[in-house]
């Protein structure tokens, strides 16, 4: 790898790191990287001076919503633009892609741990992306993020956001959100 390639990769890694600081507005303890909706960050012009006369190249960020109608995507786009402009990038383009569809399998283990610490039960198991054939999948018990009991019950399939279900712990009696496996 040439030094130019190394510099370009380093610049793209720095751009990825900037995008990775943006938090999900619905679950502020998670970054969009933790959530797995940050798909790609690219610099245009391979580090050359952009046409607008700025000292940094334009940035192109690709994100995928957790649901096709996720209301947080506009706020995330605005937060990405602000983060990059604050870091000196004059031009930021946000690509919203629906395919492949987001899955909870894209969440980081660190993100799942942050959810639990925040009081939301993280998704358990693997998603059946692209359909499922074969044996019937059984639901596993959802562990209470407050007391770790498995004696929990789903109250409603949709909670504060479409990607979460509302559960209650039968032992400590506390309600909690569960981030559904998608």
N, C-alpha and C. Protein backbone atom coordinates (compact mmCIF):
# COMPACT_ATOMS: atom_id res chain seq x y z
N UNK A 1 0.85 -1.17 0.00
CA UNK A 1 0.00 0.00 0.00
C UNK A 1 0.90 1.24 0.00
N UNK A 2 0.60 2.17 -0.88
CA UNK A 2 1.41 3.38 -0.98
C UNK A 2 1.07 4.34 0.16
N UNK A 3 1.94 5.34 0.33
CA UNK A 3 1.69 6.32 1.40
C UNK A 3 0.45 7.14 1.08
N UNK A 4 0.15 7.36 -0.21
CA UNK A 4 -1.07 8.08 -0.59
C UNK A 4 -2.30 7.26 -0.19
N UNK A 5 -2.25 5.92 -0.44
CA UNK A 5 -3.35 5.05 -0.04
C UNK A 5 -3.52 5.03 1.47
N UNK A 6 -2.40 5.01 2.20
CA UNK A 6 -2.44 5.01 3.66
C UNK A 6 -3.04 6.30 4.18
N UNK A 7 -2.65 7.45 3.58
CA UNK A 7 -3.20 8.73 3.99
C UNK A 7 -4.69 8.80 3.71
N UNK A 8 -5.12 8.28 2.54
CA UNK A 8 -6.54 8.29 2.20
C UNK A 8 -7.31 7.42 3.19
N UNK A 9 -6.77 6.24 3.54
CA UNK A 9 -7.44 5.35 4.48
C UNK A 9 -7.51 6.01 5.86
N UNK A 10 -6.43 6.65 6.25
CA UNK A 10 -6.43 7.33 7.53
C UNK A 10 -7.47 8.45 7.55
N UNK A 11 -7.57 9.21 6.45
CA UNK A 11 -8.57 10.28 6.37
C UNK A 11 -9.98 9.70 6.41
N UNK A 12 -10.20 8.57 5.72
CA UNK A 12 -11.52 7.94 5.75
C UNK A 12 -11.82 7.37 7.14
N UNK A 13 -10.81 6.84 7.81
CA UNK A 13 -11.02 6.33 9.17
C UNK A 13 -11.36 7.49 10.11
N UNK A 14 -10.70 8.61 9.93
CA UNK A 14 -11.03 9.79 10.74
C UNK A 14 -12.46 10.24 10.47
N UNK A 15 -12.88 10.20 9.21
CA UNK A 15 -14.26 10.57 8.86
C UNK A 15 -15.24 9.57 9.49
N UNK A 16 -14.90 8.28 9.45
CA UNK A 16 -15.75 7.26 10.09
C UNK A 16 -15.86 7.55 11.59
N UNK A 17 -14.74 7.89 12.19
CA UNK A 17 -14.73 8.18 13.63
C UNK A 17 -15.63 9.37 13.98
N UNK A 18 -15.64 10.37 13.11
CA UNK A 18 -16.53 11.53 13.33
C UNK A 18 -17.98 11.08 13.26
N UNK A 19 -18.33 10.32 12.22
CA UNK A 19 -19.71 9.83 12.07
C UNK A 19 -20.10 8.95 13.25
N UNK A 20 -19.14 8.20 13.76
CA UNK A 20 -19.41 7.28 14.87
C UNK A 20 -19.73 7.98 16.19
N UNK A 21 -19.52 9.28 16.26
CA UNK A 21 -19.85 10.01 17.49
C UNK A 21 -21.33 10.42 17.54
N UNK A 22 -22.02 10.32 16.42
CA UNK A 22 -23.43 10.75 16.37
C UNK A 22 -24.29 9.72 17.09
N UNK A 23 -25.11 10.21 18.00
CA UNK A 23 -25.98 9.33 18.80
C UNK A 23 -27.36 9.20 18.16
N UNK A 24 -27.99 8.08 18.45
CA UNK A 24 -29.36 7.87 18.02
C UNK A 24 -30.24 8.80 18.87
N UNK A 25 -31.11 9.62 18.25
CA UNK A 25 -31.91 10.55 19.04
C UNK A 25 -32.97 9.87 19.90
N UNK A 26 -33.36 8.65 19.57
CA UNK A 26 -34.37 7.94 20.35
C UNK A 26 -33.76 7.16 21.51
N UNK A 27 -32.51 6.74 21.34
CA UNK A 27 -31.79 6.01 22.40
C UNK A 27 -30.41 6.66 22.50
N UNK A 28 -30.29 7.76 23.23
CA UNK A 28 -29.07 8.57 23.19
C UNK A 28 -27.81 7.91 23.76
N UNK A 29 -27.92 6.75 24.36
CA UNK A 29 -26.71 6.07 24.84
C UNK A 29 -26.05 5.27 23.72
N UNK A 30 -26.73 5.14 22.58
CA UNK A 30 -26.19 4.41 21.44
C UNK A 30 -25.74 5.37 20.35
N UNK A 31 -24.57 5.11 19.80
CA UNK A 31 -24.18 5.83 18.60
C UNK A 31 -24.78 5.09 17.41
N UNK A 32 -24.77 5.77 16.26
CA UNK A 32 -25.30 5.10 15.07
C UNK A 32 -24.39 3.95 14.64
N UNK A 33 -23.13 3.98 15.06
CA UNK A 33 -22.23 2.85 14.80
C UNK A 33 -22.60 1.68 15.72
N UNK A 34 -22.88 1.95 17.00
CA UNK A 34 -23.33 0.90 17.93
C UNK A 34 -24.58 0.21 17.39
N UNK A 35 -25.48 1.02 16.88
CA UNK A 35 -26.77 0.52 16.39
C UNK A 35 -26.61 -0.25 15.08
N UNK A 36 -25.55 0.02 14.35
CA UNK A 36 -25.31 -0.68 13.10
C UNK A 36 -25.98 -0.03 11.90
N UNK A 37 -26.48 1.20 12.07
CA UNK A 37 -27.11 1.86 10.93
C UNK A 37 -26.11 2.68 10.12
N UNK A 38 -24.92 2.92 10.66
CA UNK A 38 -23.85 3.58 9.92
C UNK A 38 -23.21 2.54 9.02
N UNK A 39 -23.41 2.67 7.72
CA UNK A 39 -22.96 1.64 6.78
C UNK A 39 -21.64 1.98 6.09
N UNK A 40 -21.44 3.27 5.75
CA UNK A 40 -20.23 3.62 5.01
C UNK A 40 -19.96 5.11 5.14
N UNK A 41 -18.69 5.47 5.09
CA UNK A 41 -18.27 6.87 5.07
C UNK A 41 -17.15 6.96 4.03
N UNK A 42 -17.35 7.83 3.05
CA UNK A 42 -16.36 8.00 1.98
C UNK A 42 -16.04 9.47 1.78
N UNK A 43 -14.83 9.72 1.37
CA UNK A 43 -14.40 11.07 1.03
C UNK A 43 -14.32 11.17 -0.48
N UNK A 44 -14.85 12.24 -1.05
CA UNK A 44 -14.77 12.42 -2.49
C UNK A 44 -13.47 13.11 -2.84
N UNK A 45 -12.94 12.84 -4.02
CA UNK A 45 -11.73 13.49 -4.49
C UNK A 45 -10.45 12.89 -3.92
N UNK A 46 -10.55 11.76 -3.19
CA UNK A 46 -9.37 11.08 -2.64
C UNK A 46 -8.42 12.02 -1.91
N UNK A 47 -8.98 12.93 -1.13
CA UNK A 47 -8.15 13.81 -0.31
C UNK A 47 -7.71 15.07 -1.02
N UNK A 48 -8.12 15.25 -2.28
CA UNK A 48 -7.76 16.47 -3.00
C UNK A 48 -8.59 17.64 -2.50
N UNK A 49 -8.16 18.85 -2.81
CA UNK A 49 -8.91 20.03 -2.42
C UNK A 49 -10.23 20.03 -3.18
N UNK A 50 -11.36 20.16 -2.52
CA UNK A 50 -12.66 20.13 -3.19
C UNK A 50 -12.88 21.36 -4.07
N UNK A 51 -13.85 21.22 -4.98
CA UNK A 51 -14.16 22.30 -5.93
C UNK A 51 -14.62 23.56 -5.23
N UNK A 52 -15.18 23.45 -4.01
CA UNK A 52 -15.70 24.64 -3.33
C UNK A 52 -14.60 25.46 -2.67
N UNK A 53 -13.34 25.05 -2.86
CA UNK A 53 -12.22 25.83 -2.32
C UNK A 53 -11.89 25.52 -0.87
N UNK A 54 -12.64 24.62 -0.24
CA UNK A 54 -12.38 24.26 1.15
C UNK A 54 -11.12 23.42 1.26
N UNK A 55 -10.65 23.22 2.47
CA UNK A 55 -9.42 22.47 2.67
C UNK A 55 -9.66 20.98 2.86
N UNK A 56 -10.88 20.57 2.94
CA UNK A 56 -11.21 19.16 3.15
C UNK A 56 -12.10 18.67 2.03
N UNK A 57 -12.04 17.38 1.73
CA UNK A 57 -12.92 16.82 0.70
C UNK A 57 -14.36 16.74 1.18
N UNK A 58 -15.26 16.53 0.25
CA UNK A 58 -16.66 16.31 0.61
C UNK A 58 -16.79 14.92 1.24
N UNK A 59 -17.80 14.76 2.08
CA UNK A 59 -18.03 13.50 2.77
C UNK A 59 -19.36 12.93 2.30
N UNK A 60 -19.37 11.64 2.07
CA UNK A 60 -20.59 10.92 1.72
C UNK A 60 -20.81 9.84 2.78
N UNK A 61 -21.93 9.93 3.50
CA UNK A 61 -22.24 9.00 4.58
C UNK A 61 -23.46 8.18 4.18
N UNK A 62 -23.36 6.87 4.33
CA UNK A 62 -24.47 5.97 4.02
C UNK A 62 -25.02 5.41 5.32
N UNK A 63 -26.33 5.57 5.51
CA UNK A 63 -27.01 5.05 6.70
C UNK A 63 -28.23 4.24 6.26
N UNK A 64 -28.62 3.29 7.11
CA UNK A 64 -29.78 2.45 6.87
C UNK A 64 -30.70 2.56 8.08
N UNK A 65 -31.98 2.89 7.88
CA UNK A 65 -32.89 3.00 9.03
C UNK A 65 -33.22 1.64 9.62
N UNK A 66 -33.57 1.64 10.89
CA UNK A 66 -34.00 0.39 11.52
C UNK A 66 -35.34 -0.07 10.94
N UNK A 67 -36.18 0.89 10.56
CA UNK A 67 -37.45 0.64 9.87
C UNK A 67 -37.53 1.63 8.73
N UNK A 68 -38.21 1.27 7.65
CA UNK A 68 -38.24 2.14 6.48
C UNK A 68 -38.86 3.50 6.76
N UNK A 69 -39.71 3.61 7.73
CA UNK A 69 -40.32 4.89 8.07
C UNK A 69 -39.79 5.50 9.35
N UNK A 70 -38.59 5.13 9.75
CA UNK A 70 -38.04 5.59 11.03
C UNK A 70 -37.97 7.11 11.08
N UNK A 71 -38.66 7.73 12.04
CA UNK A 71 -38.69 9.19 12.12
C UNK A 71 -37.37 9.81 12.57
N UNK A 72 -36.46 9.01 13.09
CA UNK A 72 -35.19 9.55 13.60
C UNK A 72 -34.18 9.83 12.48
N UNK A 73 -34.43 9.35 11.28
CA UNK A 73 -33.42 9.47 10.23
C UNK A 73 -33.13 10.92 9.84
N UNK A 74 -34.13 11.78 9.82
CA UNK A 74 -33.89 13.19 9.51
C UNK A 74 -33.00 13.83 10.57
N UNK A 75 -33.27 13.54 11.83
CA UNK A 75 -32.45 14.09 12.91
C UNK A 75 -31.03 13.55 12.84
N UNK A 76 -30.89 12.28 12.52
CA UNK A 76 -29.55 11.67 12.40
C UNK A 76 -28.79 12.34 11.25
N UNK A 77 -29.46 12.56 10.12
CA UNK A 77 -28.82 13.25 9.00
C UNK A 77 -28.36 14.65 9.38
N UNK A 78 -29.21 15.38 10.10
CA UNK A 78 -28.85 16.73 10.55
C UNK A 78 -27.66 16.67 11.51
N UNK A 79 -27.68 15.70 12.43
CA UNK A 79 -26.58 15.57 13.39
C UNK A 79 -25.27 15.19 12.70
N UNK A 80 -25.34 14.36 11.66
CA UNK A 80 -24.14 14.02 10.88
C UNK A 80 -23.58 15.26 10.19
N UNK A 81 -24.45 16.03 9.55
CA UNK A 81 -24.00 17.25 8.87
C UNK A 81 -23.32 18.21 9.87
N UNK A 82 -23.92 18.36 11.03
CA UNK A 82 -23.36 19.25 12.06
C UNK A 82 -22.00 18.74 12.53
N UNK A 83 -21.90 17.43 12.79
CA UNK A 83 -20.63 16.86 13.27
C UNK A 83 -19.52 17.07 12.25
N UNK A 84 -19.82 16.88 10.99
CA UNK A 84 -18.78 17.04 9.96
C UNK A 84 -18.45 18.51 9.72
N UNK A 85 -19.45 19.35 9.74
CA UNK A 85 -19.17 20.78 9.55
C UNK A 85 -18.35 21.32 10.72
N UNK A 86 -18.65 20.87 11.95
CA UNK A 86 -17.86 21.27 13.12
C UNK A 86 -16.42 20.79 13.02
N UNK A 87 -16.20 19.69 12.30
CA UNK A 87 -14.85 19.15 12.12
C UNK A 87 -14.16 19.73 10.88
N UNK A 88 -14.82 20.67 10.20
CA UNK A 88 -14.18 21.35 9.08
C UNK A 88 -14.47 20.79 7.70
N UNK A 89 -15.45 19.90 7.60
CA UNK A 89 -15.83 19.36 6.30
C UNK A 89 -16.97 20.21 5.74
N UNK A 90 -16.73 20.92 4.63
CA UNK A 90 -17.72 21.87 4.12
C UNK A 90 -18.92 21.24 3.42
N UNK A 91 -18.77 20.03 2.92
CA UNK A 91 -19.83 19.42 2.14
C UNK A 91 -20.08 18.01 2.64
N UNK A 92 -21.34 17.74 3.02
CA UNK A 92 -21.72 16.42 3.54
C UNK A 92 -22.97 15.97 2.81
N UNK A 93 -22.91 14.77 2.26
CA UNK A 93 -24.08 14.19 1.58
C UNK A 93 -24.47 12.92 2.33
N UNK A 94 -25.75 12.79 2.64
CA UNK A 94 -26.26 11.63 3.36
C UNK A 94 -27.03 10.75 2.39
N UNK A 95 -26.62 9.49 2.29
CA UNK A 95 -27.34 8.50 1.49
C UNK A 95 -28.16 7.63 2.44
N UNK A 96 -29.44 7.58 2.23
CA UNK A 96 -30.32 6.72 3.02
C UNK A 96 -30.63 5.50 2.17
N UNK A 97 -30.16 4.33 2.57
CA UNK A 97 -30.38 3.12 1.78
C UNK A 97 -31.26 2.14 2.57
N UNK A 98 -32.17 1.51 1.86
CA UNK A 98 -33.10 0.57 2.48
C UNK A 98 -32.71 -0.89 2.24
N UNK A 99 -31.79 -1.13 1.32
CA UNK A 99 -31.39 -2.50 1.01
C UNK A 99 -29.88 -2.60 1.07
N UNK A 100 -29.36 -3.58 1.76
CA UNK A 100 -30.12 -4.58 2.49
C UNK A 100 -30.78 -3.97 3.73
N UNK A 101 -31.89 -4.57 4.11
CA UNK A 101 -32.64 -4.08 5.26
C UNK A 101 -31.81 -4.26 6.54
N UNK A 102 -31.92 -3.28 7.43
CA UNK A 102 -31.22 -3.33 8.70
C UNK A 102 -31.69 -4.53 9.51
N UNK A 103 -30.79 -5.07 10.30
CA UNK A 103 -31.11 -6.17 11.19
C UNK A 103 -30.39 -5.94 12.53
N UNK A 104 -30.96 -6.45 13.59
CA UNK A 104 -30.31 -6.32 14.90
C UNK A 104 -28.98 -7.07 14.94
N UNK A 105 -28.74 -7.94 13.97
CA UNK A 105 -27.45 -8.62 13.89
C UNK A 105 -26.32 -7.61 13.65
N UNK A 106 -26.65 -6.42 13.14
CA UNK A 106 -25.64 -5.40 12.86
C UNK A 106 -25.26 -4.60 14.11
N UNK A 107 -26.00 -4.74 15.19
CA UNK A 107 -25.67 -4.04 16.43
C UNK A 107 -24.37 -4.59 17.00
N UNK A 108 -23.57 -3.70 17.58
CA UNK A 108 -22.33 -4.15 18.20
C UNK A 108 -22.63 -4.74 19.58
N UNK A 109 -21.72 -5.59 20.05
CA UNK A 109 -21.87 -6.14 21.40
C UNK A 109 -21.80 -5.00 22.42
N UNK A 110 -20.96 -4.03 22.16
CA UNK A 110 -20.87 -2.86 23.04
C UNK A 110 -22.20 -2.12 23.07
N UNK A 111 -22.84 -1.98 21.93
CA UNK A 111 -24.15 -1.33 21.86
C UNK A 111 -25.20 -2.08 22.66
N UNK A 112 -25.18 -3.39 22.57
CA UNK A 112 -26.14 -4.21 23.32
C UNK A 112 -25.91 -4.05 24.83
N UNK A 113 -24.65 -3.98 25.23
CA UNK A 113 -24.34 -3.77 26.65
C UNK A 113 -24.81 -2.39 27.11
N UNK A 114 -24.64 -1.37 26.25
CA UNK A 114 -25.10 -0.02 26.59
C UNK A 114 -26.62 0.01 26.74
N UNK A 115 -27.33 -0.73 25.88
CA UNK A 115 -28.80 -0.80 26.00
C UNK A 115 -29.19 -1.35 27.37
N UNK A 116 -28.57 -2.44 27.75
CA UNK A 116 -28.91 -3.07 29.03
C UNK A 116 -28.62 -2.15 30.21
N UNK A 117 -27.47 -1.46 30.16
CA UNK A 117 -27.13 -0.51 31.22
C UNK A 117 -28.13 0.64 31.29
N UNK A 118 -28.70 0.98 30.15
CA UNK A 118 -29.67 2.08 30.05
C UNK A 118 -31.07 1.65 30.52
N UNK A 119 -31.27 0.34 30.65
CA UNK A 119 -32.56 -0.16 31.11
C UNK A 119 -33.43 -0.72 30.00
N UNK A 120 -32.86 -0.95 28.83
CA UNK A 120 -33.58 -1.57 27.71
C UNK A 120 -32.96 -2.95 27.48
N UNK A 121 -33.80 -3.97 27.46
CA UNK A 121 -33.29 -5.31 27.21
C UNK A 121 -32.82 -5.39 25.76
N UNK A 122 -31.57 -5.80 25.54
CA UNK A 122 -31.05 -5.87 24.17
C UNK A 122 -31.66 -7.05 23.42
N UNK A 123 -31.57 -7.02 22.08
CA UNK A 123 -32.09 -8.14 21.31
C UNK A 123 -31.30 -9.41 21.63
N UNK A 124 -31.99 -10.52 21.62
CA UNK A 124 -31.34 -11.80 21.88
C UNK A 124 -31.52 -12.68 20.65
N UNK A 125 -30.57 -13.50 20.36
CA UNK A 125 -30.66 -14.38 19.21
C UNK A 125 -30.26 -13.68 17.93
N UNK A 126 -30.43 -14.39 16.84
CA UNK A 126 -30.08 -13.88 15.52
C UNK A 126 -31.36 -13.68 14.73
N UNK A 127 -31.35 -12.68 13.87
CA UNK A 127 -32.49 -12.40 13.02
C UNK A 127 -32.53 -13.43 11.90
N UNK A 128 -33.71 -13.65 11.38
CA UNK A 128 -33.90 -14.55 10.24
C UNK A 128 -33.96 -13.70 8.98
N UNK A 129 -32.88 -12.97 8.70
CA UNK A 129 -32.85 -12.05 7.56
C UNK A 129 -33.07 -12.82 6.28
N UNK A 130 -33.92 -12.26 5.42
CA UNK A 130 -34.18 -12.89 4.13
C UNK A 130 -35.16 -14.04 4.22
N UNK A 131 -35.89 -14.14 5.28
CA UNK A 131 -36.86 -15.23 5.41
C UNK A 131 -36.26 -16.38 6.20
N UNK A 132 -37.09 -17.29 6.60
CA UNK A 132 -36.63 -18.41 7.40
C UNK A 132 -37.34 -19.67 6.94
N UNK A 133 -36.59 -20.70 6.75
CA UNK A 133 -37.19 -21.99 6.44
C UNK A 133 -36.54 -23.00 7.37
N UNK A 134 -37.25 -24.04 7.63
CA UNK A 134 -36.71 -25.05 8.51
C UNK A 134 -37.49 -25.09 9.81
N UNK A 135 -36.83 -25.49 10.89
CA UNK A 135 -37.52 -25.63 12.17
C UNK A 135 -38.14 -24.31 12.63
N UNK A 136 -39.21 -24.41 13.38
CA UNK A 136 -39.88 -23.24 13.93
C UNK A 136 -39.01 -22.66 15.03
N UNK A 137 -38.80 -21.35 14.98
CA UNK A 137 -38.01 -20.69 16.01
C UNK A 137 -38.87 -20.46 17.24
N UNK A 138 -38.32 -20.75 18.38
CA UNK A 138 -39.02 -20.52 19.64
C UNK A 138 -38.55 -19.20 20.24
N UNK A 139 -39.46 -18.52 20.90
CA UNK A 139 -39.07 -17.30 21.59
C UNK A 139 -38.37 -17.66 22.88
N UNK A 140 -37.30 -16.95 23.15
CA UNK A 140 -36.59 -17.15 24.40
C UNK A 140 -37.08 -16.11 25.40
N UNK A 141 -36.91 -16.40 26.66
CA UNK A 141 -37.29 -15.45 27.69
C UNK A 141 -36.44 -14.19 27.56
N UNK A 142 -37.04 -13.07 27.87
CA UNK A 142 -36.34 -11.79 27.84
C UNK A 142 -35.94 -11.46 29.27
N UNK A 143 -34.64 -11.22 29.47
CA UNK A 143 -34.12 -10.94 30.81
C UNK A 143 -34.41 -9.50 31.20
N UNK A 144 -34.91 -9.31 32.39
CA UNK A 144 -35.18 -7.98 32.93
C UNK A 144 -33.87 -7.22 33.11
N UNK A 145 -33.75 -6.01 32.55
CA UNK A 145 -32.51 -5.25 32.71
C UNK A 145 -32.34 -4.67 34.12
N UNK A 146 -33.39 -4.72 34.93
CA UNK A 146 -33.32 -4.19 36.30
C UNK A 146 -32.83 -5.23 37.30
N UNK A 147 -33.45 -6.44 37.26
CA UNK A 147 -33.12 -7.45 38.27
C UNK A 147 -32.59 -8.76 37.69
N UNK A 148 -32.48 -8.84 36.36
CA UNK A 148 -31.96 -10.01 35.64
C UNK A 148 -32.87 -11.23 35.68
N UNK A 149 -34.10 -11.07 36.11
CA UNK A 149 -35.04 -12.18 36.13
C UNK A 149 -35.47 -12.54 34.71
N UNK A 150 -35.71 -13.82 34.50
CA UNK A 150 -36.27 -14.29 33.22
C UNK A 150 -37.78 -14.42 33.30
N UNK A 151 -38.35 -14.10 34.45
CA UNK A 151 -39.79 -14.18 34.65
C UNK A 151 -40.43 -12.88 34.16
N UNK A 152 -40.47 -12.72 32.84
CA UNK A 152 -40.98 -11.49 32.22
C UNK A 152 -42.12 -11.81 31.27
N UNK A 153 -42.86 -10.77 30.93
CA UNK A 153 -44.03 -10.95 30.08
C UNK A 153 -44.16 -9.77 29.12
N UNK A 154 -44.44 -10.06 27.87
CA UNK A 154 -44.67 -8.99 26.90
C UNK A 154 -46.05 -8.38 27.13
N UNK A 155 -46.08 -7.05 27.26
CA UNK A 155 -47.35 -6.34 27.42
C UNK A 155 -47.91 -5.91 26.07
N UNK A 156 -47.02 -5.41 25.21
CA UNK A 156 -47.45 -4.99 23.88
C UNK A 156 -46.27 -5.11 22.93
N UNK A 157 -46.55 -5.44 21.68
CA UNK A 157 -45.50 -5.67 20.69
C UNK A 157 -44.77 -4.39 20.31
N UNK A 158 -45.41 -3.24 20.49
CA UNK A 158 -44.77 -1.97 20.15
C UNK A 158 -44.72 -1.09 21.38
N UNK A 159 -43.54 -0.51 21.62
CA UNK A 159 -43.33 0.32 22.81
C UNK A 159 -43.10 1.76 22.39
N UNK A 160 -42.13 2.41 22.99
CA UNK A 160 -41.87 3.83 22.71
C UNK A 160 -41.44 4.07 21.27
N UNK A 161 -40.88 3.07 20.62
CA UNK A 161 -40.57 3.14 19.19
C UNK A 161 -40.95 1.80 18.57
N UNK A 162 -41.06 1.76 17.26
CA UNK A 162 -41.47 0.54 16.56
C UNK A 162 -40.48 -0.60 16.73
N UNK A 163 -39.22 -0.29 17.00
CA UNK A 163 -38.21 -1.34 17.12
C UNK A 163 -38.15 -1.95 18.52
N UNK A 164 -39.02 -1.51 19.42
CA UNK A 164 -39.01 -2.05 20.78
C UNK A 164 -40.39 -2.57 21.15
N UNK A 165 -40.42 -3.56 22.04
CA UNK A 165 -41.65 -4.09 22.63
C UNK A 165 -41.64 -3.73 24.11
N UNK A 166 -42.83 -3.62 24.70
CA UNK A 166 -42.94 -3.30 26.12
C UNK A 166 -43.16 -4.58 26.92
N UNK A 167 -42.27 -4.80 27.89
CA UNK A 167 -42.34 -5.97 28.77
C UNK A 167 -42.51 -5.51 30.20
N UNK A 168 -42.89 -6.45 31.06
CA UNK A 168 -42.91 -6.21 32.50
C UNK A 168 -42.27 -7.41 33.17
N UNK A 169 -41.53 -7.14 34.22
CA UNK A 169 -40.90 -8.20 35.01
C UNK A 169 -41.92 -8.65 36.05
N UNK A 170 -42.14 -9.95 36.13
CA UNK A 170 -43.09 -10.50 37.09
C UNK A 170 -42.51 -10.53 38.50
N UNK A 171 -41.18 -10.42 38.62
CA UNK A 171 -40.55 -10.46 39.94
C UNK A 171 -40.43 -9.06 40.55
N UNK A 172 -39.76 -8.13 39.84
CA UNK A 172 -39.57 -6.78 40.42
C UNK A 172 -40.71 -5.83 40.02
N UNK A 173 -41.59 -6.28 39.13
CA UNK A 173 -42.78 -5.53 38.69
C UNK A 173 -42.48 -4.29 37.86
N UNK A 174 -41.23 -4.13 37.43
CA UNK A 174 -40.84 -2.96 36.64
C UNK A 174 -41.12 -3.20 35.16
N UNK A 175 -41.72 -2.22 34.49
CA UNK A 175 -41.85 -2.32 33.03
C UNK A 175 -40.51 -1.95 32.38
N UNK A 176 -40.27 -2.49 31.18
CA UNK A 176 -39.04 -2.15 30.46
C UNK A 176 -39.24 -2.39 28.97
N UNK A 177 -38.47 -1.66 28.18
CA UNK A 177 -38.46 -1.86 26.74
C UNK A 177 -37.52 -3.01 26.40
N UNK A 178 -37.88 -3.74 25.36
CA UNK A 178 -37.04 -4.79 24.80
C UNK A 178 -36.80 -4.46 23.35
N UNK A 179 -35.55 -4.36 22.95
CA UNK A 179 -35.20 -4.07 21.55
C UNK A 179 -35.39 -5.38 20.77
N UNK A 180 -36.41 -5.40 19.92
CA UNK A 180 -36.79 -6.62 19.22
C UNK A 180 -35.72 -7.10 18.24
N UNK A 181 -35.64 -8.42 18.08
CA UNK A 181 -34.79 -9.00 17.05
C UNK A 181 -35.48 -8.79 15.72
N UNK A 182 -34.79 -8.14 14.82
CA UNK A 182 -35.36 -7.85 13.50
C UNK A 182 -34.44 -8.43 12.45
